[in-house]
Amino acid sequence: MSAHSKISSPEITFQPDHSGGTKKIWKIFWVLSILTIIELGLGYFLYDQHGKISEALVLSTKCAIAILTLAKAYYIVSVFMHLGDEIRNLIMTIVVPLVLFVWFIIAFLSDGNSWKNLRNTSAGSRPNQIEQTEKSAHEAK
């Protein structure tokens, strides 16, 4: 009976290594601080140069800020939420819906923008009313 009374757990557990805790925390602090300082610097650059720089430079700066923000989010999720230490299937369970959600947002914004652009043209079946008013205002001069 004593052989049957021992119950072994079917799950496999691993004990995390906490030996380099302080050094790791400081490394994370400095990485996140540097990324934040770069983001703020780019933001202040855009604010200071508002209207003075080309649209391409503004767009590329905004893209750089978005990429840095995503890098910070990945780092925070990987380290503080311990997702980097998990198995691949659990990571994919979280990442795939997140990517789909971001894709849905981009798709809906794009679709909304196309509807906004088509609202004055009856889906292309008649000329744009804004262009007609500008043309008539130009002809009146």
C-alpha atoms as a PDB file:
ATOM      1  CA  MET A   1       0.000   0.000   0.000  1.00  0.00           C
ATOM      2  CA  SER A   2       2.873   2.345   0.618  1.00  0.00           C
ATOM      3  CA  ALA A   3       3.978   2.063  -3.021  1.00  0.00           C
ATOM      4  CA  HIS A   4       0.542   3.220  -4.202  1.00  0.00           C
ATOM      5  CA  SER A   5       0.271   6.073  -1.707  1.00  0.00           C
ATOM      6  CA  LYS A   6       3.074   8.029  -3.335  1.00  0.00           C
ATOM      7  CA  ILE A   7       1.614  10.309  -5.998  1.00  0.00           C
ATOM      8  CA  SER A   8       3.984  11.792  -8.497  1.00  0.00           C
ATOM      9  CA  SER A   9       3.064  14.957 -10.293  1.00  0.00           C
ATOM     10  CA  PRO A  10       2.627  14.583 -14.061  1.00  0.00           C
ATOM     11  CA  GLU A  11       3.838  18.098 -14.754  1.00  0.00           C
ATOM     12  CA  ILE A  12       7.451  18.999 -15.244  1.00  0.00           C
ATOM     13  CA  THR A  13       8.609  21.986 -13.248  1.00  0.00           C
ATOM     14  CA  PHE A  14      11.846  23.916 -13.413  1.00  0.00           C
ATOM     15  CA  GLN A  15      13.167  26.103 -10.664  1.00  0.00           C
ATOM     16  CA  PRO A  16      14.296  29.529 -11.970  1.00  0.00           C
ATOM     17  CA  ASP A  17      17.850  30.603 -11.292  1.00  0.00           C
ATOM     18  CA  HIS A  18      17.853  33.783  -9.168  1.00  0.00           C
ATOM     19  CA  SER A  19      21.621  34.142  -8.826  1.00  0.00           C
ATOM     20  CA  GLY A  20      22.171  37.258 -10.985  1.00  0.00           C
ATOM     21  CA  GLY A  21      19.033  39.161 -10.021  1.00  0.00           C
ATOM     22  CA  THR A  22      20.474  42.608  -9.266  1.00  0.00           C
ATOM     23  CA  LYS A  23      22.743  42.699 -12.293  1.00  0.00           C
ATOM     24  CA  LYS A  24      19.883  41.651 -14.585  1.00  0.00           C
ATOM     25  CA  ILE A  25      17.533  44.280 -13.108  1.00  0.00           C
ATOM     26  CA  TRP A  26      20.066  47.053 -13.696  1.00  0.00           C
ATOM     27  CA  LYS A  27      20.637  45.876 -17.271  1.00  0.00           C
ATOM     28  CA  ILE A  28      16.879  45.945 -17.930  1.00  0.00           C
ATOM     29  CA  PHE A  29      16.646  49.381 -16.324  1.00  0.00           C
ATOM     30  CA  TRP A  30      19.354  50.833 -18.560  1.00  0.00           C
ATOM     31  CA  VAL A  31      18.036  49.264 -21.757  1.00  0.00           C
ATOM     32  CA  LEU A  32      14.510  50.578 -21.141  1.00  0.00           C
ATOM     33  CA  SER A  33      15.861  53.983 -20.069  1.00  0.00           C
ATOM     34  CA  ILE A  34      17.953  54.354 -23.223  1.00  0.00           C
ATOM     35  CA  LEU A  35      15.032  53.358 -25.460  1.00  0.00           C
ATOM     36  CA  THR A  36      12.784  55.858 -23.657  1.00  0.00           C
ATOM     37  CA  ILE A  37      15.343  58.677 -23.941  1.00  0.00           C
ATOM     38  CA  ILE A  38      15.720  58.018 -27.678  1.00  0.00           C
ATOM     39  CA  GLU A  39      11.920  58.055 -28.112  1.00  0.00           C
ATOM     40  CA  LEU A  40      11.609  61.315 -26.191  1.00  0.00           C
ATOM     41  CA  GLY A  41      14.458  62.868 -28.173  1.00  0.00           C
ATOM     42  CA  LEU A  42      12.755  61.972 -31.453  1.00  0.00           C
ATOM     43  CA  GLY A  43       9.447  63.304 -30.146  1.00  0.00           C
ATOM     44  CA  TYR A  44      10.995  66.609 -29.086  1.00  0.00           C
ATOM     45  CA  PHE A  45      12.728  66.795 -32.468  1.00  0.00           C
ATOM     46  CA  LEU A  46       9.360  66.472 -34.222  1.00  0.00           C
ATOM     47  CA  TYR A  47       7.815  69.068 -31.905  1.00  0.00           C
ATOM     48  CA  ASP A  48      10.678  71.521 -32.430  1.00  0.00           C
ATOM     49  CA  GLN A  49      10.803  71.099 -36.215  1.00  0.00           C
ATOM     50  CA  HIS A  50       7.022  71.163 -36.763  1.00  0.00           C
ATOM     51  CA  GLY A  51       6.356  72.509 -40.253  1.00  0.00           C
ATOM     52  CA  LYS A  52      10.054  72.968 -41.052  1.00  0.00           C
ATOM     53  CA  ILE A  53      10.928  69.458 -42.246  1.00  0.00           C
ATOM     54  CA  SER A  54       9.632  67.287 -45.059  1.00  0.00           C
ATOM     55  CA  GLU A  55       6.713  64.910 -44.644  1.00  0.00           C
ATOM     56  CA  ALA A  56       8.980  61.947 -45.471  1.00  0.00           C
ATOM     57  CA  LEU A  57      11.262  62.793 -42.545  1.00  0.00           C
ATOM     58  CA  VAL A  58       8.256  63.206 -40.243  1.00  0.00           C
ATOM     59  CA  LEU A  59       6.864  59.826 -41.324  1.00  0.00           C
ATOM     60  CA  SER A  60      10.202  58.061 -40.936  1.00  0.00           C
ATOM     61  CA  THR A  61      10.670  59.588 -37.472  1.00  0.00           C
ATOM     62  CA  LYS A  62       7.197  58.453 -36.429  1.00  0.00           C
ATOM     63  CA  CYS A  63       7.973  54.956 -37.752  1.00  0.00           C
ATOM     64  CA  ALA A  64      11.206  54.919 -35.739  1.00  0.00           C
ATOM     65  CA  ILE A  65       9.290  55.914 -32.601  1.00  0.00           C
ATOM     66  CA  ALA A  66       6.739  53.144 -33.250  1.00  0.00           C
ATOM     67  CA  ILE A  67       9.501  50.553 -33.735  1.00  0.00           C
ATOM     68  CA  LEU A  68      11.230  51.650 -30.517  1.00  0.00           C
ATOM     69  CA  THR A  69       7.916  51.455 -28.663  1.00  0.00           C
ATOM     70  CA  LEU A  70       7.311  47.925 -29.950  1.00  0.00           C
ATOM     71  CA  ALA A  71      10.849  46.951 -28.926  1.00  0.00           C
ATOM     72  CA  LYS A  72      10.192  48.245 -25.412  1.00  0.00           C
ATOM     73  CA  ALA A  73       6.867  46.412 -25.247  1.00  0.00           C
ATOM     74  CA  TYR A  74       8.518  43.168 -26.388  1.00  0.00           C
ATOM     75  CA  TYR A  75      11.287  43.559 -23.822  1.00  0.00           C
ATOM     76  CA  ILE A  76       8.847  44.291 -20.997  1.00  0.00           C
ATOM     77  CA  VAL A  77       6.623  41.331 -21.873  1.00  0.00           C
ATOM     78  CA  SER A  78       9.597  39.019 -22.321  1.00  0.00           C
ATOM     79  CA  VAL A  79      11.320  39.929 -19.055  1.00  0.00           C
ATOM     80  CA  PHE A  80       8.717  41.159 -16.577  1.00  0.00           C
ATOM     81  CA  MET A  81       5.904  38.846 -17.638  1.00  0.00           C
ATOM     82  CA  HIS A  82       8.414  35.974 -18.052  1.00  0.00           C
ATOM     83  CA  LEU A  83       7.121  35.162 -21.511  1.00  0.00           C
ATOM     84  CA  GLY A  84      10.670  34.724 -22.789  1.00  0.00           C
ATOM     85  CA  ASP A  85      11.097  31.734 -20.457  1.00  0.00           C
ATOM     86  CA  GLU A  86       7.960  29.916 -21.616  1.00  0.00           C
ATOM     87  CA  ILE A  87       7.559  27.187 -24.195  1.00  0.00           C
ATOM     88  CA  ARG A  88       6.969  28.119 -27.813  1.00  0.00           C
ATOM     89  CA  ASN A  89       3.299  27.049 -27.896  1.00  0.00           C
ATOM     90  CA  LEU A  90       2.360  29.373 -25.032  1.00  0.00           C
ATOM     91  CA  ILE A  91       4.236  32.252 -26.649  1.00  0.00           C
ATOM     92  CA  MET A  92       2.392  31.655 -29.945  1.00  0.00           C
ATOM     93  CA  THR A  93      -0.931  31.490 -28.068  1.00  0.00           C
ATOM     94  CA  ILE A  94      -0.325  35.059 -26.915  1.00  0.00           C
ATOM     95  CA  VAL A  95       1.534  36.535 -29.907  1.00  0.00           C
ATOM     96  CA  VAL A  96      -0.689  35.314 -32.776  1.00  0.00           C
ATOM     97  CA  PRO A  97      -3.924  36.913 -31.470  1.00  0.00           C
ATOM     98  CA  LEU A  98      -1.983  40.096 -30.702  1.00  0.00           C
ATOM     99  CA  VAL A  99      -0.655  40.272 -34.264  1.00  0.00           C
ATOM    100  CA  LEU A 100      -4.142  39.609 -35.652  1.00  0.00           C
ATOM    101  CA  PHE A 101      -5.552  42.354 -33.426  1.00  0.00           C
ATOM    102  CA  VAL A 102      -2.976  44.862 -34.702  1.00  0.00           C
ATOM    103  CA  TRP A 103      -3.704  43.751 -38.276  1.00  0.00           C
ATOM    104  CA  PHE A 104      -7.454  44.281 -37.688  1.00  0.00           C
ATOM    105  CA  ILE A 105      -6.815  47.802 -36.432  1.00  0.00           C
ATOM    106  CA  ILE A 106      -4.696  48.644 -39.492  1.00  0.00           C
ATOM    107  CA  ALA A 107      -7.270  47.095 -41.841  1.00  0.00           C
ATOM    108  CA  PHE A 108     -10.195  48.946 -40.241  1.00  0.00           C
ATOM    109  CA  LEU A 109      -8.339  52.268 -40.303  1.00  0.00           C
ATOM    110  CA  SER A 110      -7.481  51.750 -43.963  1.00  0.00           C
ATOM    111  CA  ASP A 111     -11.072  50.823 -44.796  1.00  0.00           C
ATOM    112  CA  GLY A 112     -12.390  53.825 -42.864  1.00  0.00           C
ATOM    113  CA  ASN A 113      -9.997  56.115 -44.708  1.00  0.00           C
ATOM    114  CA  SER A 114     -11.172  54.805 -48.078  1.00  0.00           C
ATOM    115  CA  TRP A 115     -14.807  55.347 -47.066  1.00  0.00           C
ATOM    116  CA  LYS A 116     -13.929  58.878 -45.959  1.00  0.00           C
ATOM    117  CA  ASN A 117     -12.312  59.579 -49.324  1.00  0.00           C
ATOM    118  CA  LEU A 118     -15.250  58.119 -51.270  1.00  0.00           C
ATOM    119  CA  ARG A 119     -18.086  59.749 -49.321  1.00  0.00           C
ATOM    120  CA  ASN A 120     -18.268  62.795 -51.616  1.00  0.00           C
ATOM    121  CA  THR A 121     -17.944  60.869 -54.858  1.00  0.00           C
ATOM    122  CA  SER A 122     -20.739  58.268 -54.537  1.00  0.00           C
ATOM    123  CA  ALA A 123     -18.123  55.528 -54.867  1.00  0.00           C
ATOM    124  CA  GLY A 124     -16.663  57.092 -57.989  1.00  0.00           C
ATOM    125  CA  SER A 125     -19.920  57.420 -59.956  1.00  0.00           C
ATOM    126  CA  ARG A 126     -19.900  61.225 -59.853  1.00  0.00           C
ATOM    127  CA  PRO A 127     -17.134  63.808 -59.547  1.00  0.00           C
ATOM    128  CA  ASN A 128     -15.871  64.868 -56.147  1.00  0.00           C
ATOM    129  CA  GLN A 129     -17.978  67.742 -54.753  1.00  0.00           C
ATOM    130  CA  ILE A 130     -14.988  69.355 -53.064  1.00  0.00           C
ATOM    131  CA  GLU A 131     -13.093  69.515 -56.362  1.00  0.00           C
ATOM    132  CA  GLN A 132     -16.151  71.017 -58.089  1.00  0.00           C
ATOM    133  CA  THR A 133     -16.488  73.776 -55.490  1.00  0.00           C
ATOM    134  CA  GLU A 134     -12.766  74.556 -55.764  1.00  0.00           C
ATOM    135  CA  LYS A 135     -13.046  74.619 -59.572  1.00  0.00           C
ATOM    136  CA  SER A 136     -16.081  76.940 -59.479  1.00  0.00           C
ATOM    137  CA  ALA A 137     -14.350  79.215 -56.954  1.00  0.00           C
ATOM    138  CA  HIS A 138     -11.291  79.354 -59.230  1.00  0.00           C
ATOM    139  CA  GLU A 139     -13.472  80.124 -62.276  1.00  0.00           C
ATOM    140  CA  ALA A 140     -15.237  82.923 -60.404  1.00  0.00           C
ATOM    141  CA  LYS A 141     -11.895  84.729 -59.897  1.00  0.00           C
END
